[in-house]
N, C-alpha and C. Protein backbone atom coordinates (compact mmCIF):
# COMPACT_ATOMS: atom_id res chain seq x y z
N MET A 1 211.97 120.72 255.51
CA MET A 1 212.94 121.59 256.16
C MET A 1 213.55 122.57 255.16
N LYS A 2 213.88 122.07 253.95
CA LYS A 2 214.47 122.91 252.92
C LYS A 2 213.49 123.98 252.46
N ILE A 3 212.23 123.64 252.35
CA ILE A 3 211.19 124.59 251.93
C ILE A 3 211.03 125.67 252.99
N ALA A 4 211.08 125.31 254.26
CA ALA A 4 210.94 126.28 255.34
C ALA A 4 212.10 127.28 255.33
N LYS A 5 213.33 126.82 255.07
CA LYS A 5 214.49 127.72 255.00
C LYS A 5 214.36 128.66 253.80
N SER A 6 213.92 128.13 252.67
CA SER A 6 213.74 128.97 251.48
C SER A 6 212.66 130.01 251.72
N PHE A 7 211.57 129.61 252.33
CA PHE A 7 210.49 130.53 252.63
C PHE A 7 210.97 131.62 253.60
N LEU A 8 211.70 131.22 254.63
CA LEU A 8 212.22 132.19 255.60
C LEU A 8 213.17 133.17 254.92
N LEU A 9 214.00 132.70 254.00
CA LEU A 9 214.91 133.56 253.27
C LEU A 9 214.14 134.57 252.40
N ILE A 10 213.11 134.12 251.74
CA ILE A 10 212.29 135.01 250.91
C ILE A 10 211.58 136.05 251.78
N VAL A 11 211.04 135.64 252.90
CA VAL A 11 210.37 136.59 253.80
C VAL A 11 211.36 137.63 254.30
N CYS A 12 212.55 137.21 254.69
CA CYS A 12 213.58 138.16 255.15
C CYS A 12 213.97 139.12 254.04
N LEU A 13 214.11 138.64 252.84
CA LEU A 13 214.47 139.48 251.70
C LEU A 13 213.37 140.51 251.42
N VAL A 14 212.13 140.08 251.44
CA VAL A 14 211.01 140.99 251.23
C VAL A 14 210.96 142.05 252.33
N LEU A 15 211.12 141.64 253.57
CA LEU A 15 211.12 142.60 254.68
C LEU A 15 212.27 143.59 254.57
N PHE A 16 213.44 143.12 254.12
CA PHE A 16 214.58 144.01 253.93
C PHE A 16 214.27 145.05 252.85
N ILE A 17 213.72 144.61 251.74
CA ILE A 17 213.38 145.55 250.65
C ILE A 17 212.35 146.56 251.10
N ILE A 18 211.35 146.11 251.82
CA ILE A 18 210.32 147.03 252.33
C ILE A 18 210.93 148.04 253.29
N SER A 19 211.78 147.58 254.20
CA SER A 19 212.39 148.51 255.17
C SER A 19 213.31 149.52 254.48
N MET A 20 214.04 149.08 253.47
CA MET A 20 214.92 150.00 252.73
C MET A 20 214.10 151.01 251.94
N THR A 21 213.00 150.58 251.39
CA THR A 21 212.15 151.48 250.62
C THR A 21 211.55 152.55 251.53
N ILE A 22 211.22 152.19 252.75
CA ILE A 22 210.65 153.15 253.70
C ILE A 22 211.74 154.06 254.26
N SER A 23 212.89 153.49 254.64
CA SER A 23 213.93 154.30 255.29
C SER A 23 214.78 155.10 254.32
N GLN A 24 214.99 154.62 253.10
CA GLN A 24 215.80 155.31 252.10
C GLN A 24 215.13 155.25 250.74
N PRO A 25 213.97 155.89 250.58
CA PRO A 25 213.25 155.79 249.33
C PRO A 25 214.01 156.36 248.14
N SER A 26 214.87 157.36 248.37
CA SER A 26 215.59 157.96 247.25
C SER A 26 216.54 156.96 246.60
N HIS A 27 217.02 155.98 247.37
CA HIS A 27 217.92 154.98 246.80
C HIS A 27 217.21 154.15 245.74
N PHE A 28 215.94 153.84 245.98
CA PHE A 28 215.19 153.00 245.05
C PHE A 28 214.55 153.81 243.94
N TYR A 29 214.04 154.99 244.27
CA TYR A 29 213.32 155.79 243.28
C TYR A 29 214.19 156.87 242.66
N GLY A 30 215.37 157.10 243.19
CA GLY A 30 216.27 158.12 242.69
C GLY A 30 216.01 159.47 243.33
N THR A 31 217.03 160.30 243.29
CA THR A 31 216.95 161.66 243.81
C THR A 31 217.01 162.60 242.62
N GLU A 32 216.19 163.64 242.63
CA GLU A 32 216.18 164.60 241.53
C GLU A 32 217.15 165.74 241.79
N PHE A 33 217.83 166.16 240.73
CA PHE A 33 218.76 167.27 240.75
C PHE A 33 218.42 168.21 239.60
N ASP A 34 218.60 169.49 239.85
CA ASP A 34 218.45 170.49 238.79
C ASP A 34 219.84 170.82 238.26
N VAL A 35 220.02 170.64 236.96
CA VAL A 35 221.30 170.94 236.31
C VAL A 35 221.06 172.14 235.39
N ARG A 36 221.96 173.11 235.45
CA ARG A 36 221.81 174.33 234.64
C ARG A 36 223.17 174.75 234.11
N VAL A 37 223.23 175.06 232.82
CA VAL A 37 224.44 175.57 232.19
C VAL A 37 224.11 176.97 231.67
N ILE A 38 224.90 177.96 232.11
CA ILE A 38 224.64 179.36 231.79
C ILE A 38 225.76 179.91 230.91
N ASN A 39 225.38 180.63 229.88
CA ASN A 39 226.37 181.33 229.07
C ASN A 39 226.77 182.59 229.82
N GLY A 40 227.97 182.61 230.36
CA GLY A 40 228.47 183.74 231.14
C GLY A 40 229.42 184.62 230.37
N PHE A 41 229.42 184.49 229.05
CA PHE A 41 230.32 185.31 228.24
C PHE A 41 229.88 186.77 228.33
N THR A 42 230.85 187.67 228.24
CA THR A 42 230.52 189.09 228.37
C THR A 42 230.17 189.74 227.04
N ASN A 43 230.69 189.22 225.93
CA ASN A 43 230.35 189.83 224.65
C ASN A 43 230.49 188.80 223.53
N ASN A 44 229.45 187.99 223.37
CA ASN A 44 229.49 187.02 222.28
C ASN A 44 228.21 187.11 221.44
N SER A 45 227.73 188.31 221.24
CA SER A 45 226.48 188.49 220.53
C SER A 45 226.54 187.97 219.09
N SER A 46 227.73 187.96 218.50
CA SER A 46 227.83 187.48 217.13
C SER A 46 228.10 185.98 217.05
N MET A 47 228.54 185.37 218.14
CA MET A 47 228.87 183.96 218.13
C MET A 47 228.29 183.28 219.37
N PRO A 48 227.21 182.52 219.21
CA PRO A 48 226.60 181.88 220.38
C PRO A 48 227.47 180.74 220.93
N LEU A 49 227.21 180.38 222.15
CA LEU A 49 227.82 179.22 222.79
C LEU A 49 226.91 178.04 222.47
N VAL A 50 227.45 177.02 221.83
CA VAL A 50 226.64 175.87 221.43
C VAL A 50 226.85 174.75 222.44
N ILE A 51 225.75 174.15 222.88
CA ILE A 51 225.79 173.09 223.88
C ILE A 51 224.98 171.90 223.38
N TRP A 52 225.49 170.70 223.67
CA TRP A 52 224.79 169.46 223.35
C TRP A 52 225.00 168.52 224.52
N CYS A 53 223.90 168.03 225.13
CA CYS A 53 224.02 167.19 226.32
C CYS A 53 223.25 165.87 226.15
N SER A 54 223.81 164.82 226.76
CA SER A 54 223.15 163.52 226.69
C SER A 54 223.67 162.60 227.79
N SER A 55 222.90 161.55 228.04
CA SER A 55 223.33 160.45 228.89
C SER A 55 223.26 159.19 228.03
N LYS A 56 223.49 158.03 228.63
CA LYS A 56 223.37 156.80 227.85
C LYS A 56 221.93 156.56 227.41
N GLN A 57 220.98 157.03 228.21
CA GLN A 57 219.57 156.77 227.92
C GLN A 57 218.86 157.94 227.24
N ILE A 58 219.31 159.17 227.48
CA ILE A 58 218.57 160.35 227.03
C ILE A 58 219.47 161.30 226.26
N ASP A 59 219.00 161.73 225.11
CA ASP A 59 219.69 162.78 224.35
C ASP A 59 218.87 164.06 224.50
N LEU A 60 219.42 165.03 225.19
CA LEU A 60 218.70 166.29 225.43
C LEU A 60 218.77 167.23 224.23
N GLY A 61 219.61 166.91 223.28
CA GLY A 61 219.72 167.74 222.09
C GLY A 61 220.66 168.91 222.29
N GLY A 62 220.68 169.77 221.29
CA GLY A 62 221.58 170.90 221.32
C GLY A 62 220.84 172.23 221.38
N ARG A 63 221.56 173.23 221.80
CA ARG A 63 221.04 174.60 221.89
C ARG A 63 222.15 175.58 221.53
N ALA A 64 221.76 176.72 221.04
CA ALA A 64 222.70 177.83 220.82
C ALA A 64 222.34 178.88 221.86
N LEU A 65 223.25 179.13 222.78
CA LEU A 65 222.99 180.05 223.89
C LEU A 65 223.63 181.41 223.62
N GLN A 66 222.82 182.44 223.63
CA GLN A 66 223.33 183.80 223.55
C GLN A 66 223.74 184.23 224.96
N GLU A 67 224.29 185.43 225.08
CA GLU A 67 224.72 185.92 226.40
C GLU A 67 223.62 185.76 227.44
N HIS A 68 223.98 185.18 228.57
CA HIS A 68 223.12 185.01 229.74
C HIS A 68 221.98 184.01 229.53
N ASP A 69 221.88 183.38 228.36
CA ASP A 69 220.91 182.31 228.17
C ASP A 69 221.36 181.10 228.98
N ASP A 70 220.42 180.20 229.26
CA ASP A 70 220.79 178.99 229.97
C ASP A 70 220.08 177.79 229.38
N PHE A 71 220.61 176.64 229.69
CA PHE A 71 220.02 175.35 229.31
C PHE A 71 219.93 174.56 230.59
N SER A 72 218.73 174.13 230.96
CA SER A 72 218.57 173.42 232.22
C SER A 72 217.68 172.19 232.05
N TRP A 73 217.88 171.24 232.94
CA TRP A 73 217.08 170.02 232.92
C TRP A 73 217.14 169.38 234.30
N ARG A 74 216.26 168.42 234.51
CA ARG A 74 216.21 167.65 235.75
C ARG A 74 216.81 166.28 235.54
N VAL A 75 217.57 165.85 236.52
CA VAL A 75 218.21 164.54 236.50
C VAL A 75 217.68 163.75 237.68
N ARG A 76 217.33 162.50 237.44
CA ARG A 76 216.97 161.60 238.54
C ARG A 76 218.01 160.48 238.57
N THR A 77 218.65 160.33 239.72
CA THR A 77 219.66 159.28 239.85
C THR A 77 219.01 157.91 239.74
N ASN A 78 219.77 156.95 239.28
CA ASN A 78 219.24 155.60 239.15
C ASN A 78 219.62 154.74 240.36
N PHE A 79 219.12 153.54 240.39
CA PHE A 79 219.33 152.62 241.51
C PHE A 79 220.82 152.34 241.74
N TRP A 80 221.61 152.25 240.66
CA TRP A 80 223.02 151.92 240.76
C TRP A 80 223.88 153.14 241.07
N ASP A 81 223.27 154.31 241.14
CA ASP A 81 223.95 155.57 241.45
C ASP A 81 225.12 155.84 240.48
N ASN A 82 224.85 155.60 239.18
CA ASN A 82 225.87 155.88 238.17
C ASN A 82 225.31 156.79 237.06
N THR A 83 224.32 157.59 237.38
CA THR A 83 223.75 158.52 236.41
C THR A 83 224.82 159.49 235.94
N HIS A 84 224.86 159.73 234.62
CA HIS A 84 225.95 160.52 234.06
C HIS A 84 225.45 161.29 232.84
N PHE A 85 225.55 162.62 232.88
CA PHE A 85 225.22 163.47 231.74
C PHE A 85 226.48 164.17 231.27
N LEU A 86 226.79 164.01 229.99
CA LEU A 86 227.93 164.67 229.36
C LEU A 86 227.42 165.79 228.48
N CYS A 87 228.16 166.89 228.46
CA CYS A 87 227.82 168.00 227.56
C CYS A 87 229.06 168.35 226.74
N THR A 88 228.81 168.70 225.51
CA THR A 88 229.87 169.22 224.64
C THR A 88 229.56 170.69 224.41
N MET A 89 230.55 171.52 224.66
CA MET A 89 230.42 172.97 224.47
C MET A 89 231.30 173.37 223.30
N LYS A 90 230.79 174.29 222.48
CA LYS A 90 231.58 174.79 221.36
C LYS A 90 231.38 176.29 221.27
N TRP A 91 232.51 176.98 221.16
CA TRP A 91 232.49 178.43 220.96
C TRP A 91 233.67 178.80 220.08
N ASP A 92 233.37 179.37 218.94
CA ASP A 92 234.40 179.72 217.96
C ASP A 92 235.21 178.47 217.65
N GLN A 93 236.51 178.47 217.87
CA GLN A 93 237.36 177.31 217.59
C GLN A 93 237.52 176.40 218.82
N LYS A 94 236.97 176.80 219.94
CA LYS A 94 237.12 176.03 221.18
C LYS A 94 236.01 174.99 221.29
N ARG A 95 236.40 173.83 221.80
CA ARG A 95 235.45 172.75 222.03
C ARG A 95 235.85 172.04 223.33
N LYS A 96 234.84 171.73 224.16
CA LYS A 96 235.13 171.07 225.43
C LYS A 96 233.99 170.13 225.78
N ARG A 97 234.34 168.91 226.17
CA ARG A 97 233.36 167.93 226.64
C ARG A 97 233.55 167.79 228.15
N PHE A 98 232.46 167.84 228.90
CA PHE A 98 232.60 167.77 230.35
C PHE A 98 231.41 167.05 230.98
N ASP A 99 231.62 166.61 232.23
CA ASP A 99 230.57 165.95 233.00
C ASP A 99 229.68 167.02 233.62
N ALA A 100 228.50 167.21 233.07
CA ALA A 100 227.57 168.18 233.65
C ALA A 100 226.96 167.64 234.93
N PHE A 101 226.77 166.32 234.99
CA PHE A 101 226.32 165.66 236.21
C PHE A 101 226.84 164.24 236.19
N LYS A 102 227.51 163.86 237.28
CA LYS A 102 228.02 162.50 237.40
C LYS A 102 227.88 162.05 238.84
N ALA A 103 226.96 161.08 239.05
CA ALA A 103 226.79 160.51 240.38
C ALA A 103 227.92 159.51 240.60
N PRO A 104 228.37 159.31 241.80
CA PRO A 104 227.93 159.89 243.06
C PRO A 104 228.61 161.21 243.41
N LYS A 105 229.65 161.60 242.66
CA LYS A 105 230.39 162.84 243.00
C LYS A 105 229.44 164.03 243.14
N ASP A 106 228.60 164.24 242.14
CA ASP A 106 227.73 165.42 242.17
C ASP A 106 226.55 165.28 243.13
N THR A 107 226.27 164.07 243.56
CA THR A 107 225.22 163.87 244.55
C THR A 107 225.54 164.67 245.81
N TYR A 108 226.81 164.74 246.16
CA TYR A 108 227.24 165.50 247.34
C TYR A 108 227.57 166.95 246.98
N ARG A 109 228.24 167.13 245.88
CA ARG A 109 228.71 168.45 245.49
C ARG A 109 227.56 169.43 245.19
N CYS A 110 226.43 168.93 244.75
CA CYS A 110 225.31 169.81 244.40
C CYS A 110 224.54 170.30 245.62
N GLY A 111 224.92 169.84 246.79
CA GLY A 111 224.38 170.39 248.03
C GLY A 111 222.99 169.92 248.40
N PRO A 112 222.50 170.40 249.53
CA PRO A 112 221.20 169.95 250.04
C PRO A 112 220.02 170.38 249.16
N HIS A 113 220.21 171.43 248.38
CA HIS A 113 219.12 171.88 247.49
C HIS A 113 219.18 171.18 246.14
N ARG A 114 220.17 170.30 245.96
CA ARG A 114 220.33 169.49 244.76
C ARG A 114 220.35 170.35 243.49
N LYS A 115 221.17 171.39 243.54
CA LYS A 115 221.31 172.33 242.43
C LYS A 115 222.74 172.26 241.90
N CYS A 116 222.88 171.94 240.62
CA CYS A 116 224.19 171.79 239.98
C CYS A 116 224.26 172.79 238.84
N SER A 117 224.96 173.89 239.05
CA SER A 117 224.98 174.96 238.05
C SER A 117 226.38 175.16 237.50
N TRP A 118 226.43 175.43 236.20
CA TRP A 118 227.67 175.70 235.49
C TRP A 118 227.58 177.07 234.85
N LEU A 119 228.61 177.86 235.03
CA LEU A 119 228.73 179.17 234.39
C LEU A 119 229.92 179.07 233.44
N VAL A 120 229.65 179.17 232.15
CA VAL A 120 230.71 179.04 231.16
C VAL A 120 231.15 180.43 230.73
N LYS A 121 232.44 180.71 230.93
CA LYS A 121 233.00 182.01 230.58
C LYS A 121 234.11 181.83 229.55
N GLU A 122 234.65 182.94 229.09
CA GLU A 122 235.72 182.90 228.09
C GLU A 122 236.94 182.13 228.57
N ASP A 123 237.24 182.20 229.87
CA ASP A 123 238.45 181.58 230.40
C ASP A 123 238.25 180.17 230.94
N ALA A 124 237.04 179.88 231.46
CA ALA A 124 236.88 178.60 232.16
C ALA A 124 235.42 178.26 232.41
N PHE A 125 235.23 177.10 233.06
CA PHE A 125 233.92 176.60 233.48
C PHE A 125 233.88 176.69 235.00
N TYR A 126 232.84 177.30 235.53
CA TYR A 126 232.68 177.51 236.97
C TYR A 126 231.49 176.72 237.47
N PHE A 127 231.62 176.17 238.69
CA PHE A 127 230.56 175.36 239.28
C PHE A 127 230.01 176.05 240.53
N SER A 128 228.70 175.87 240.76
CA SER A 128 228.07 176.38 241.98
C SER A 128 226.88 175.50 242.34
N ASN A 129 226.62 175.39 243.62
CA ASN A 129 225.40 174.70 244.06
C ASN A 129 224.38 175.69 244.63
N ASN A 130 224.67 177.00 244.47
CA ASN A 130 223.72 178.01 244.94
C ASN A 130 223.63 179.22 244.00
N GLU A 131 224.41 179.24 242.96
CA GLU A 131 224.48 180.32 241.97
C GLU A 131 224.84 181.68 242.58
N VAL A 132 225.49 181.64 243.73
CA VAL A 132 226.04 182.84 244.37
C VAL A 132 227.56 182.72 244.41
N ASN A 133 228.03 181.59 244.92
CA ASN A 133 229.46 181.32 245.03
C ASN A 133 229.89 180.40 243.90
N TRP A 134 230.74 180.90 243.02
CA TRP A 134 231.20 180.13 241.87
C TRP A 134 232.66 179.74 242.07
N THR A 135 233.00 178.49 241.74
CA THR A 135 234.35 177.99 241.85
C THR A 135 234.82 177.54 240.46
N LYS A 136 236.00 177.99 240.09
CA LYS A 136 236.56 177.58 238.81
C LYS A 136 236.84 176.08 238.87
N ASP A 137 236.23 175.33 237.96
CA ASP A 137 236.38 173.88 237.96
C ASP A 137 237.44 173.44 236.94
N PHE A 138 237.43 174.00 235.75
CA PHE A 138 238.44 173.68 234.74
C PHE A 138 238.39 174.72 233.63
N SER A 139 239.48 174.77 232.85
CA SER A 139 239.55 175.74 231.76
C SER A 139 239.16 175.07 230.44
N TRP A 140 239.10 175.86 229.39
CA TRP A 140 238.73 175.36 228.07
C TRP A 140 239.77 174.38 227.51
N SER A 141 241.03 174.59 227.84
CA SER A 141 242.07 173.73 227.24
C SER A 141 242.39 172.53 228.09
């Protein structure tokens, strides 16, 4: 009797996993997002915007972005939905660390096209999920 209950429990668990994999595959395999950080400064030809991004598992390294240059990468959310990429920005004497992508908040905020874009300007950091409408998210200080 005990073996039959254990077997039934295992069968139910396997069927549940199979049904979840079919009905919500992104939960198990992750959803991909495009993350892009753009140098939106109007005149910084002598001083690039320096960016360094990483997660707990991946170090994307650093870049020096001239005017209108960008740094982009793809993010795949994990099973626990806690994927998190931090970037440090440096320009002249200013330095700012920010969440370039943080699930689950950005899972919704990046919209149906899963596009998470940042425009960094002299005054602030702007966010968009379509690169047409930009919203000021936070300032340098």
